[in-house]
Amino acid sequence: MQDRPSAIELLAAVRGFLESDVIGTLTGRRRFHALVAANVLAIVERELDNDEDRVVDEWRRLAALLDVTGDPPPRLELVKRGVRDLEEQLSERIRAGDADEGDFAERVRAHLRTTVLEKLRIANPRHLEDA
């Protein structure tokens, strides 16, 4: 375990420095690139914050959708691999037409809606204000 500052705190400090001390002093292309850099840091902060909980939740949603029993794998890297495997299974079922209509189609749409909202919370939470 690392002492403080944590990775998230370091990212926030660099982002804060860019936003408060740097961006206002720049113009044109350099200002644009500094804004992009600050935005990237904010995305990484949000992605790291509660990453394990979000990935486990996604695994559980996919497992329920695909009728997979059992608990998620014990380590985060294995859960992420499990999510990719389950997404592949879901994609195969969608390609096969299993999600064209009926209860499974409704459940797939609900899962996709939740997944997109979760991704927006990371990539650009301001888009959720318009939703």
Protein backbone atom coordinates (compact mmCIF):
# COMPACT_ATOMS: atom_id res chain seq x y z
CA MET A 1 0.00 0.00 0.00
CA GLN A 2 1.31 3.41 -0.95
CA ASP A 3 1.42 6.30 1.46
CA ARG A 4 -0.26 9.57 0.68
CA PRO A 5 -0.61 11.19 -1.69
CA SER A 6 -2.55 8.49 -3.48
CA ALA A 7 -2.58 8.16 -7.26
CA ILE A 8 -5.97 9.90 -7.37
CA GLU A 9 -4.67 12.74 -5.20
CA LEU A 10 -1.63 13.15 -7.45
CA LEU A 11 -3.79 13.27 -10.55
CA ALA A 12 -6.10 15.82 -8.91
CA ALA A 13 -3.12 18.00 -7.94
CA VAL A 14 -1.71 18.04 -11.46
CA ARG A 15 -5.14 18.69 -12.95
CA GLY A 16 -5.75 21.49 -10.44
CA PHE A 17 -2.39 23.06 -11.32
CA LEU A 18 -3.25 22.98 -15.02
CA GLU A 19 -6.71 24.41 -14.47
CA SER A 20 -5.77 27.16 -11.99
CA ASP A 21 -2.22 28.16 -12.97
CA VAL A 22 -1.54 27.12 -16.55
CA ILE A 23 -4.61 27.14 -18.79
CA GLY A 24 -5.42 30.80 -18.13
CA THR A 25 -1.94 31.83 -19.26
CA LEU A 26 -2.13 30.05 -22.60
CA THR A 27 -3.80 30.80 -25.89
CA GLY A 28 -4.60 28.96 -29.08
CA ARG A 29 -3.30 25.48 -29.63
CA ARG A 30 -1.38 25.30 -26.34
CA ARG A 31 -4.49 26.28 -24.36
CA PHE A 32 -6.52 23.65 -26.21
CA HIS A 33 -3.93 20.95 -25.47
CA ALA A 34 -3.73 21.96 -21.80
CA LEU A 35 -7.55 21.73 -21.57
CA VAL A 36 -7.42 18.27 -23.17
CA ALA A 37 -4.69 17.20 -20.72
CA ALA A 38 -6.74 18.43 -17.74
CA ASN A 39 -9.77 16.56 -19.07
CA VAL A 40 -7.75 13.35 -19.51
CA LEU A 41 -6.53 13.62 -15.92
CA ALA A 42 -10.12 14.07 -14.72
CA ILE A 43 -11.21 10.97 -16.67
CA VAL A 44 -8.39 8.89 -15.16
CA GLU A 45 -9.29 10.16 -11.67
CA ARG A 46 -12.91 9.08 -12.12
CA GLU A 47 -11.87 5.75 -13.62
CA LEU A 48 -9.57 4.91 -10.71
CA ASP A 49 -12.12 5.96 -8.10
CA ASN A 50 -14.05 2.82 -7.06
CA ASP A 51 -12.83 0.98 -10.17
CA GLU A 52 -13.13 -2.44 -8.54
CA ASP A 53 -16.71 -1.85 -7.37
CA ARG A 54 -17.80 -0.70 -10.85
CA VAL A 55 -16.17 -3.66 -12.60
CA VAL A 56 -17.65 -6.16 -10.13
CA ASP A 57 -21.09 -4.57 -10.58
CA GLU A 58 -20.74 -4.90 -14.35
CA TRP A 59 -19.68 -8.55 -13.99
CA ARG A 60 -22.72 -9.23 -11.80
CA ARG A 61 -25.09 -7.53 -14.31
CA LEU A 62 -23.66 -9.55 -17.19
CA ALA A 63 -23.70 -12.78 -15.19
CA ALA A 64 -27.35 -12.25 -14.27
CA LEU A 65 -28.22 -11.43 -17.88
CA LEU A 66 -26.47 -14.54 -19.19
CA ASP A 67 -27.60 -16.82 -16.34
CA VAL A 68 -24.04 -17.38 -15.10
CA THR A 69 -23.93 -18.65 -11.52
CA GLY A 70 -21.26 -18.13 -8.92
CA ASP A 71 -19.26 -15.24 -7.58
CA PRO A 72 -16.99 -12.88 -9.49
CA PRO A 73 -13.33 -13.86 -9.64
CA PRO A 74 -11.22 -12.91 -6.61
CA ARG A 75 -8.84 -10.41 -8.26
CA LEU A 76 -9.63 -7.27 -10.23
CA GLU A 77 -7.64 -8.32 -13.31
CA LEU A 78 -9.61 -11.59 -13.42
CA VAL A 79 -12.91 -9.76 -13.00
CA LYS A 80 -11.99 -7.48 -15.92
CA ARG A 81 -11.11 -10.51 -18.04
CA GLY A 82 -14.40 -12.10 -16.97
CA VAL A 83 -16.32 -8.99 -18.05
CA ARG A 84 -14.66 -9.15 -21.48
CA ASP A 85 -15.56 -12.85 -21.79
CA LEU A 86 -19.16 -12.21 -20.77
CA GLU A 87 -19.39 -9.27 -23.18
CA GLU A 88 -18.21 -11.58 -25.94
CA GLN A 89 -20.89 -14.12 -25.01
CA LEU A 90 -23.51 -11.37 -25.03
CA SER A 91 -22.31 -10.13 -28.42
CA GLU A 92 -22.60 -13.64 -29.83
CA ARG A 93 -26.16 -13.93 -28.56
CA ILE A 94 -27.05 -10.54 -30.00
CA ARG A 95 -25.55 -11.53 -33.38
CA ALA A 96 -27.51 -14.79 -33.24
CA GLY A 97 -30.74 -12.80 -32.89
CA ASP A 98 -31.46 -13.80 -29.29
CA ALA A 99 -31.96 -10.13 -28.33
CA ASP A 100 -34.25 -9.18 -31.19
CA GLU A 101 -37.41 -9.43 -29.12
CA GLY A 102 -38.90 -10.70 -25.88
CA ASP A 103 -37.75 -10.66 -22.29
CA PHE A 104 -34.07 -11.18 -23.12
CA ALA A 105 -34.17 -8.19 -25.50
CA GLU A 106 -35.65 -6.00 -22.74
CA ARG A 107 -32.98 -7.16 -20.29
CA VAL A 108 -30.21 -6.54 -22.84
CA ARG A 109 -31.45 -3.00 -23.46
CA ALA A 110 -31.60 -2.33 -19.71
CA HIS A 111 -28.06 -3.66 -19.29
CA LEU A 112 -26.75 -1.58 -22.19
CA ARG A 113 -28.46 1.54 -20.87
CA THR A 114 -26.86 1.04 -17.44
CA THR A 115 -23.47 0.32 -19.00
CA VAL A 116 -23.58 3.46 -21.16
CA LEU A 117 -24.56 5.58 -18.16
CA GLU A 118 -21.66 4.12 -16.15
CA LYS A 119 -19.26 4.89 -19.00
CA LEU A 120 -20.57 8.46 -19.22
CA ARG A 121 -20.02 8.92 -15.47
CA ILE A 122 -16.33 8.30 -16.22
CA ALA A 123 -15.84 9.87 -19.65
CA ASN A 124 -18.02 12.96 -19.35
CA PRO A 125 -20.49 13.21 -16.48
CA ARG A 126 -21.76 16.55 -17.82
CA HIS A 127 -23.61 14.59 -20.53
CA LEU A 128 -25.70 13.02 -17.78
CA GLU A 129 -27.05 16.45 -16.86
CA ASP A 130 -28.71 16.64 -20.28
CA ALA A 131 -30.16 13.12 -20.08
